[in-house]
Amino acid sequence: MKSHAIIPVFIPHKGCPHACIFCNQNRITSNEKPVSASEAAGIIEKHLSTLKGRNITIIEAAFYGGSFTGIPIEQQSEYLETARFYKTRGMINRIRLSTRPDYISDEILSNLKSYGVDTIELGVQSFDDEVLEKSNRGHNSAIVYENSRMIQDYGFELGLQLMAGLPGDTLEKDIFSANELVKIKPSIARLYPAIVLEGTELHRMYLAGDYSPLTLKESIGIVVEMYKIISSAGIHVIRAGLKSPDSIKSGSNSHPAFRQLVESEIAKDSLERQLNEALSNKFSFLPPASVRFLSNEKSFQNLVGHGKSNKIYFSEKYPSLKFIYETDNTLADGQYIVK
């Protein structure tokens, strides 16, 4: 059972004058207009009523969907005053928001601090300047390093978001972005494949034949490599893939269980590496041998794979071996062991 709940308050496009080629926040959030500060209170109240009696230890109010720090600071304060009301009364524990890397200043950060904001997430998308330019981001990568450091210096928890498969992108550039993210040492990260949404410049480019989106298999493969780099550095990947509502027409690289597909692939890679190391010792497994795959209970679905994909993979590739899948709750989340 989850002990951490997030109350999302979506403010699509509010505060963002840029038209990034991949962005249509109204379609992503299913909101045609941003909520007001007074409406935000109603959203928080509604969510709090559903969380009663569910043993939730951490409740966050989160302002998503737009560039929060790009709206006038007076409006920022109106939203934040609403959230602070619930935080100071112990009804929520934390406040987070998402924004652009270039909408950060001492004035903004001081104001956010005064209202008790805990986490700031930056939509970085890429550390490659060519990709940023082709995506019409309106800034280069230098501002990401500078303002990430400023956020951390103010004592906020920092989150960075990356997007794979934008125009001009390559696997090598995505790996570079993952490594650059690690250098900044944020606390959390989100990883997304670029998805073609109707009403965006990316959609127009796709229809014109000027852009080819990643396939689902390609998206999974790239995000797997980025996820490994980031998580191995101790940075928590809190999302992989876009949680798409029904209003988004599914593309070839979108999937409702994208994160599990990624984490199942990571589990498979770890298991196969350990298995091959054991098989390299000819005395380790003499057919018919039993091989035990272990994870803790939380990671067990990834151990067996989405739709039991890992079970099918290993049984077909290694027919002379018998595989047993077990739980061991002494193992850490995402730790997979072969015995």
Protein backbone atom coordinates (compact mmCIF):
# COMPACT_ATOMS: atom_id res chain seq x y z
CA MET A 1 0.00 0.00 0.00
CA LYS A 2 1.34 3.42 -0.95
CA SER A 3 2.26 5.67 1.94
CA HIS A 4 3.02 8.74 -0.22
CA ALA A 5 0.23 10.62 -1.99
CA ILE A 6 0.47 13.55 -4.39
CA ILE A 7 -2.39 15.99 -4.91
CA PRO A 8 -1.91 17.38 -8.45
CA VAL A 9 -3.04 20.90 -9.29
CA PHE A 10 -2.69 21.41 -13.05
CA ILE A 11 -2.05 24.84 -14.49
CA PRO A 12 -1.53 24.04 -18.20
CA HIS A 13 0.41 26.63 -20.20
CA LYS A 14 -0.03 29.24 -17.49
CA GLY A 15 3.19 31.21 -17.28
CA CYS A 16 4.80 29.76 -20.40
CA PRO A 17 4.97 31.95 -23.52
CA HIS A 18 7.15 29.41 -25.35
CA ALA A 19 5.74 26.93 -27.85
CA CYS A 20 8.03 23.94 -27.43
CA ILE A 21 7.42 21.68 -30.41
CA PHE A 22 6.37 18.68 -28.27
CA CYS A 23 4.08 20.47 -25.83
CA ASN A 24 0.31 20.55 -25.58
CA GLN A 25 -0.35 20.71 -21.83
CA ASN A 26 -4.11 21.03 -22.30
CA ARG A 27 -4.19 17.60 -23.92
CA ILE A 28 -1.78 16.04 -21.42
CA THR A 29 -3.69 17.23 -18.38
CA SER A 30 -7.21 17.10 -19.87
CA ASN A 31 -7.68 20.72 -18.70
CA GLU A 32 -8.76 23.41 -21.12
CA LYS A 33 -8.15 26.22 -18.67
CA PRO A 34 -5.97 26.57 -15.58
CA VAL A 35 -7.53 26.42 -12.17
CA SER A 36 -7.66 29.50 -9.97
CA ALA A 37 -6.12 29.68 -6.51
CA SER A 38 -9.57 29.26 -4.95
CA GLU A 39 -10.27 26.25 -7.15
CA ALA A 40 -6.94 24.77 -6.06
CA ALA A 41 -8.24 24.73 -2.49
CA GLY A 42 -11.25 22.71 -3.65
CA ILE A 43 -8.97 20.23 -5.41
CA ILE A 44 -6.86 19.79 -2.28
CA GLU A 45 -9.95 19.37 -0.10
CA LYS A 46 -11.41 16.77 -2.43
CA HIS A 47 -8.22 14.71 -2.47
CA LEU A 48 -7.77 14.96 1.29
CA SER A 49 -11.26 13.54 1.81
CA THR A 50 -10.35 10.47 -0.26
CA LEU A 51 -7.10 9.91 1.67
CA LYS A 52 -8.68 9.64 5.10
CA GLY A 53 -8.05 6.31 6.81
CA ARG A 54 -5.55 5.13 4.21
CA ASN A 55 -2.45 5.31 6.42
CA ILE A 56 -0.75 7.88 4.17
CA THR A 57 2.35 9.28 5.86
CA ILE A 58 3.33 11.94 3.29
CA ILE A 59 0.90 14.10 1.33
CA GLU A 60 2.21 16.58 -1.24
CA ALA A 61 0.42 19.36 -3.09
CA ALA A 62 2.02 19.65 -6.52
CA PHE A 63 1.61 22.38 -9.12
CA TYR A 64 2.05 20.70 -12.50
CA GLY A 65 1.38 21.34 -16.14
CA GLY A 66 2.88 24.76 -16.73
CA SER A 67 5.91 26.84 -15.96
CA PHE A 68 4.87 27.82 -12.47
CA THR A 69 7.61 30.37 -11.85
CA GLY A 70 6.84 32.07 -15.17
CA ILE A 71 3.51 33.44 -13.98
CA PRO A 72 3.52 36.82 -12.19
CA ILE A 73 4.95 36.43 -8.73
CA GLU A 74 1.72 37.77 -7.19
CA GLN A 75 -0.19 34.88 -8.77
CA GLN A 76 2.47 32.42 -7.67
CA SER A 77 1.92 33.67 -4.13
CA GLU A 78 -1.84 33.18 -4.40
CA TYR A 79 -1.42 29.52 -5.31
CA LEU A 80 1.29 29.01 -2.71
CA GLU A 81 -0.72 30.68 0.03
CA THR A 82 -3.44 28.11 -0.58
CA ALA A 83 -0.96 25.24 -0.29
CA ARG A 84 0.76 26.78 2.72
CA PHE A 85 -2.62 27.00 4.51
CA TYR A 86 -2.90 23.21 4.44
CA LYS A 87 0.77 22.62 5.17
CA THR A 88 0.92 24.82 8.28
CA ARG A 89 -2.11 22.97 9.64
CA GLY A 90 -0.50 19.59 9.09
CA MET A 91 -3.05 18.54 6.48
CA ILE A 92 -0.34 18.17 3.83
CA ASN A 93 3.37 17.65 4.40
CA ARG A 94 5.09 19.01 1.32
CA ILE A 95 4.70 21.40 -1.64
CA ARG A 96 6.28 20.83 -5.04
CA LEU A 97 6.14 22.50 -8.43
CA SER A 98 7.51 22.12 -11.94
CA THR A 99 8.94 24.87 -14.12
CA ARG A 100 11.47 25.75 -16.81
CA PRO A 101 15.22 25.97 -16.14
CA ASP A 102 15.33 29.60 -17.30
CA TYR A 103 12.53 30.83 -15.00
CA ILE A 104 14.60 30.85 -11.82
CA SER A 105 15.97 33.87 -9.94
CA ASP A 106 16.87 34.91 -6.41
CA GLU A 107 13.58 36.80 -6.12
CA ILE A 108 11.59 33.75 -7.22
CA LEU A 109 13.45 31.31 -4.99
CA SER A 110 13.19 33.58 -1.96
CA ASN A 111 9.45 33.81 -2.50
CA LEU A 112 9.07 30.06 -2.90
CA LYS A 113 11.07 29.53 0.27
CA SER A 114 8.84 31.89 2.22
CA TYR A 115 5.79 29.81 1.31
CA GLY A 116 7.36 26.51 2.36
CA VAL A 117 7.95 24.96 -1.07
CA ASP A 118 10.00 21.78 -0.73
CA THR A 119 10.69 20.49 -4.25
CA ILE A 120 11.37 22.22 -7.58
CA GLU A 121 11.43 20.13 -10.75
CA LEU A 122 12.97 21.49 -13.93
CA GLY A 123 11.88 20.31 -17.36
CA VAL A 124 15.36 20.03 -18.84
CA GLN A 125 14.51 17.58 -21.66
CA SER A 126 18.11 17.47 -22.97
CA PHE A 127 21.60 18.73 -22.22
CA ASP A 128 22.41 18.87 -25.93
CA ASP A 129 22.12 22.42 -27.28
CA GLU A 130 21.21 21.32 -30.80
CA VAL A 131 18.27 19.28 -29.47
CA LEU A 132 17.15 22.21 -27.31
CA GLU A 133 17.29 24.58 -30.28
CA LYS A 134 15.36 22.22 -32.57
CA SER A 135 12.76 21.79 -29.83
CA ASN A 136 12.28 25.57 -29.57
CA ARG A 137 13.09 25.55 -25.86
CA GLY A 138 14.30 29.14 -25.84
CA HIS A 139 17.42 28.47 -23.75
CA ASN A 140 20.63 26.47 -23.89
CA SER A 141 22.03 23.92 -21.45
CA ALA A 142 24.25 26.39 -19.57
CA ILE A 143 21.27 27.80 -17.68
CA VAL A 144 20.38 24.32 -16.42
CA TYR A 145 23.69 23.93 -14.57
CA GLU A 146 23.57 27.46 -13.19
CA ASN A 147 20.00 27.46 -11.92
CA SER A 148 20.09 23.88 -10.67
CA ARG A 149 22.96 24.90 -8.42
CA MET A 150 21.02 27.96 -7.26
CA ILE A 151 18.00 25.83 -6.37
CA GLN A 152 20.18 23.45 -4.39
CA ASP A 153 21.96 26.32 -2.64
CA TYR A 154 18.58 27.58 -1.42
CA GLY A 155 17.96 24.18 0.15
CA PHE A 156 15.21 22.93 -2.14
CA GLU A 157 14.96 19.31 -3.24
CA LEU A 158 15.83 19.37 -6.95
CA GLY A 159 14.24 17.21 -9.63
CA LEU A 160 15.28 17.10 -13.29
CA GLN A 161 13.25 15.78 -16.21
CA LEU A 162 14.69 14.39 -19.45
CA MET A 163 12.96 13.52 -22.73
CA ALA A 164 14.39 11.07 -25.26
CA GLY A 165 13.77 11.05 -28.99
CA LEU A 166 13.31 14.75 -29.77
CA PRO A 167 14.39 16.09 -33.19
CA GLY A 168 18.16 15.91 -33.55
CA ASP A 169 18.42 13.44 -30.68
CA THR A 170 20.43 10.21 -30.68
CA LEU A 171 21.14 7.45 -28.19
CA GLU A 172 24.57 8.97 -27.60
CA LYS A 173 23.02 12.36 -26.81
CA ASP A 174 20.52 10.76 -24.42
CA ILE A 175 23.33 8.93 -22.64
CA PHE A 176 25.22 12.23 -22.46
CA SER A 177 22.16 13.92 -20.93
CA ALA A 178 21.81 11.18 -18.33
CA ASN A 179 25.46 11.52 -17.36
CA GLU A 180 25.20 15.31 -17.16
CA LEU A 181 22.13 14.98 -14.95
CA VAL A 182 24.14 12.77 -12.59
CA LYS A 183 26.84 15.43 -12.36
CA ILE A 184 24.29 17.93 -11.04
CA LYS A 185 23.19 15.43 -8.36
CA PRO A 186 19.45 16.10 -8.18
CA SER A 187 17.44 14.11 -5.65
CA ILE A 188 14.90 12.86 -8.19
CA ALA A 189 14.50 12.43 -11.94
CA ARG A 190 11.78 11.75 -14.48
CA LEU A 191 12.38 10.15 -17.88
CA TYR A 192 10.02 10.41 -20.84
CA PRO A 193 10.09 9.37 -24.48
CA ALA A 194 8.96 12.13 -26.81
CA ILE A 195 5.34 11.48 -27.80
CA VAL A 196 3.61 13.10 -30.76
CA LEU A 197 0.53 14.95 -29.52
CA GLU A 198 -2.08 16.49 -31.76
CA GLY A 199 -1.92 20.26 -31.94
CA THR A 200 1.86 20.47 -31.58
CA GLU A 201 4.59 21.48 -34.00
CA LEU A 202 5.98 17.96 -33.59
CA HIS A 203 2.69 16.60 -34.90
CA ARG A 204 2.89 18.88 -37.93
CA MET A 205 6.47 17.73 -38.56
CA TYR A 206 5.37 14.11 -38.25
CA LEU A 207 2.55 14.56 -40.78
CA ALA A 208 4.96 16.32 -43.14
CA GLY A 209 7.46 13.49 -42.90
CA ASP A 210 10.04 15.69 -41.18
CA TYR A 211 10.09 13.74 -37.91
CA SER A 212 9.99 10.05 -37.06
CA PRO A 213 9.13 9.20 -33.44
CA LEU A 214 10.86 6.41 -31.62
CA THR A 215 9.12 3.06 -31.68
CA LEU A 216 8.01 1.59 -28.36
CA LYS A 217 10.93 -0.84 -28.44
CA GLU A 218 13.41 1.96 -29.17
CA SER A 219 11.92 4.15 -26.43
CA ILE A 220 12.21 1.36 -23.87
CA GLY A 221 15.79 0.58 -24.89
CA ILE A 222 16.95 4.18 -24.60
CA VAL A 223 15.14 4.91 -21.34
CA VAL A 224 16.53 1.67 -19.87
CA GLU A 225 20.09 2.90 -20.47
CA MET A 226 19.33 6.35 -19.04
CA TYR A 227 17.54 4.82 -16.03
CA LYS A 228 20.53 2.57 -15.26
CA ILE A 229 22.97 5.50 -15.31
CA ILE A 230 20.80 7.70 -13.12
CA SER A 231 19.62 5.11 -10.59
CA SER A 232 23.11 3.64 -10.18
CA ALA A 233 24.20 7.11 -9.01
CA GLY A 234 21.65 6.92 -6.19
CA ILE A 235 19.16 9.29 -7.85
CA HIS A 236 15.54 8.21 -7.50
CA VAL A 237 13.75 7.88 -10.85
CA ILE A 238 10.20 8.72 -9.77
CA ARG A 239 8.64 8.32 -13.21
CA ALA A 240 9.46 6.68 -16.52
CA GLY A 241 7.00 7.43 -19.31
CA LEU A 242 4.07 9.78 -19.58
CA LYS A 243 0.92 8.84 -17.72
CA SER A 244 -1.43 9.41 -20.62
CA PRO A 245 -5.14 10.06 -20.09
CA ASP A 246 -7.72 8.93 -22.63
CA SER A 247 -7.61 12.34 -24.31
CA ILE A 248 -4.19 11.50 -25.76
CA LYS A 249 -4.30 9.38 -28.88
CA SER A 250 -1.84 6.60 -28.19
CA GLY A 251 1.23 6.70 -30.37
CA SER A 252 3.52 3.86 -31.33
CA ASN A 253 5.84 4.61 -28.41
CA SER A 254 3.23 5.17 -25.69
CA HIS A 255 2.14 2.44 -23.29
CA PRO A 256 0.15 2.59 -20.05
CA ALA A 257 2.71 0.35 -18.33
CA PHE A 258 5.80 2.01 -19.80
CA ARG A 259 7.62 2.16 -16.47
CA GLN A 260 7.13 -1.53 -15.81
CA LEU A 261 8.30 -2.36 -19.31
CA VAL A 262 11.48 -0.41 -18.59
CA GLU A 263 12.03 -1.90 -15.13
CA SER A 264 11.26 -5.42 -16.37
CA GLU A 265 13.95 -4.99 -19.02
CA ILE A 266 16.41 -3.76 -16.40
CA ALA A 267 15.62 -6.81 -14.26
CA LYS A 268 16.11 -9.12 -17.27
CA ASP A 269 19.47 -7.57 -18.09
CA SER A 270 20.66 -7.95 -14.49
CA LEU A 271 19.49 -11.55 -14.24
CA GLU A 272 21.00 -12.57 -17.57
CA ARG A 273 24.33 -10.98 -16.76
CA GLN A 274 24.54 -12.89 -13.48
CA LEU A 275 23.30 -16.08 -15.13
CA ASN A 276 25.94 -15.92 -17.87
CA GLU A 277 28.65 -15.30 -15.29
CA ALA A 278 27.54 -18.45 -13.47
CA LEU A 279 27.26 -20.46 -16.69
CA SER A 280 30.81 -19.50 -17.62
CA ASN A 281 31.85 -21.86 -14.83
CA LYS A 282 31.01 -25.20 -16.37
CA PHE A 283 30.55 -26.76 -12.93
CA SER A 284 27.94 -24.24 -11.83
CA PHE A 285 24.92 -25.64 -13.63
CA LEU A 286 24.71 -29.18 -14.93
CA PRO A 287 21.36 -29.80 -16.69
CA PRO A 288 18.75 -30.32 -15.53
CA ALA A 289 19.56 -27.62 -13.00
CA SER A 290 17.31 -25.29 -11.06
CA VAL A 291 18.12 -21.60 -11.05
CA ARG A 292 16.54 -19.30 -8.49
CA PHE A 293 15.73 -15.69 -9.40
CA LEU A 294 15.07 -13.49 -6.37
CA SER A 295 13.83 -9.99 -5.63
CA ASN A 296 11.89 -8.38 -2.83
CA GLU A 297 8.10 -8.40 -2.95
CA LYS A 298 7.85 -4.86 -4.31
CA SER A 299 10.09 -5.67 -7.30
CA PHE A 300 8.68 -9.13 -7.97
CA GLN A 301 6.48 -8.02 -10.89
CA ASN A 302 9.59 -6.69 -12.61
CA LEU A 303 11.42 -9.93 -11.81
CA VAL A 304 8.87 -12.02 -13.73
CA GLY A 305 8.42 -9.23 -16.29
CA HIS A 306 5.45 -7.34 -17.64
CA GLY A 307 2.98 -9.99 -18.79
CA LYS A 308 5.48 -12.60 -17.51
CA SER A 309 7.82 -11.54 -20.32
CA ASN A 310 10.98 -12.44 -18.40
CA LYS A 311 9.65 -15.89 -17.52
CA ILE A 312 8.93 -16.51 -21.18
CA TYR A 313 12.29 -15.12 -22.29
CA PHE A 314 14.42 -17.27 -19.98
CA SER A 315 12.43 -20.46 -20.46
CA GLU A 316 12.72 -20.15 -24.25
CA LYS A 317 16.38 -19.11 -24.36
CA TYR A 318 17.62 -21.58 -21.73
CA PRO A 319 15.34 -24.65 -22.13
CA SER A 320 17.76 -26.94 -20.28
CA LEU A 321 17.39 -24.93 -17.07
CA LYS A 322 14.49 -24.78 -14.65
CA PHE A 323 13.84 -21.28 -13.33
CA ILE A 324 12.25 -20.61 -9.95
CA TYR A 325 11.04 -17.10 -9.07
CA GLU A 326 11.05 -16.22 -5.37
CA THR A 327 10.80 -13.24 -3.04
CA ASP A 328 13.41 -12.24 -0.50
CA ASN A 329 12.48 -9.11 1.40
CA THR A 330 16.03 -8.62 2.65
CA LEU A 331 16.86 -7.39 -0.86
CA ALA A 332 16.62 -3.72 -1.78
CA ASP A 333 14.08 -2.40 -4.28
CA GLY A 334 15.32 -3.09 -7.78
CA GLN A 335 17.90 -5.64 -6.61
CA TYR A 336 17.81 -8.95 -8.47
CA ILE A 337 19.80 -12.02 -7.46
CA VAL A 338 20.57 -15.31 -9.24
CA LYS A 339 21.25 -18.40 -7.11
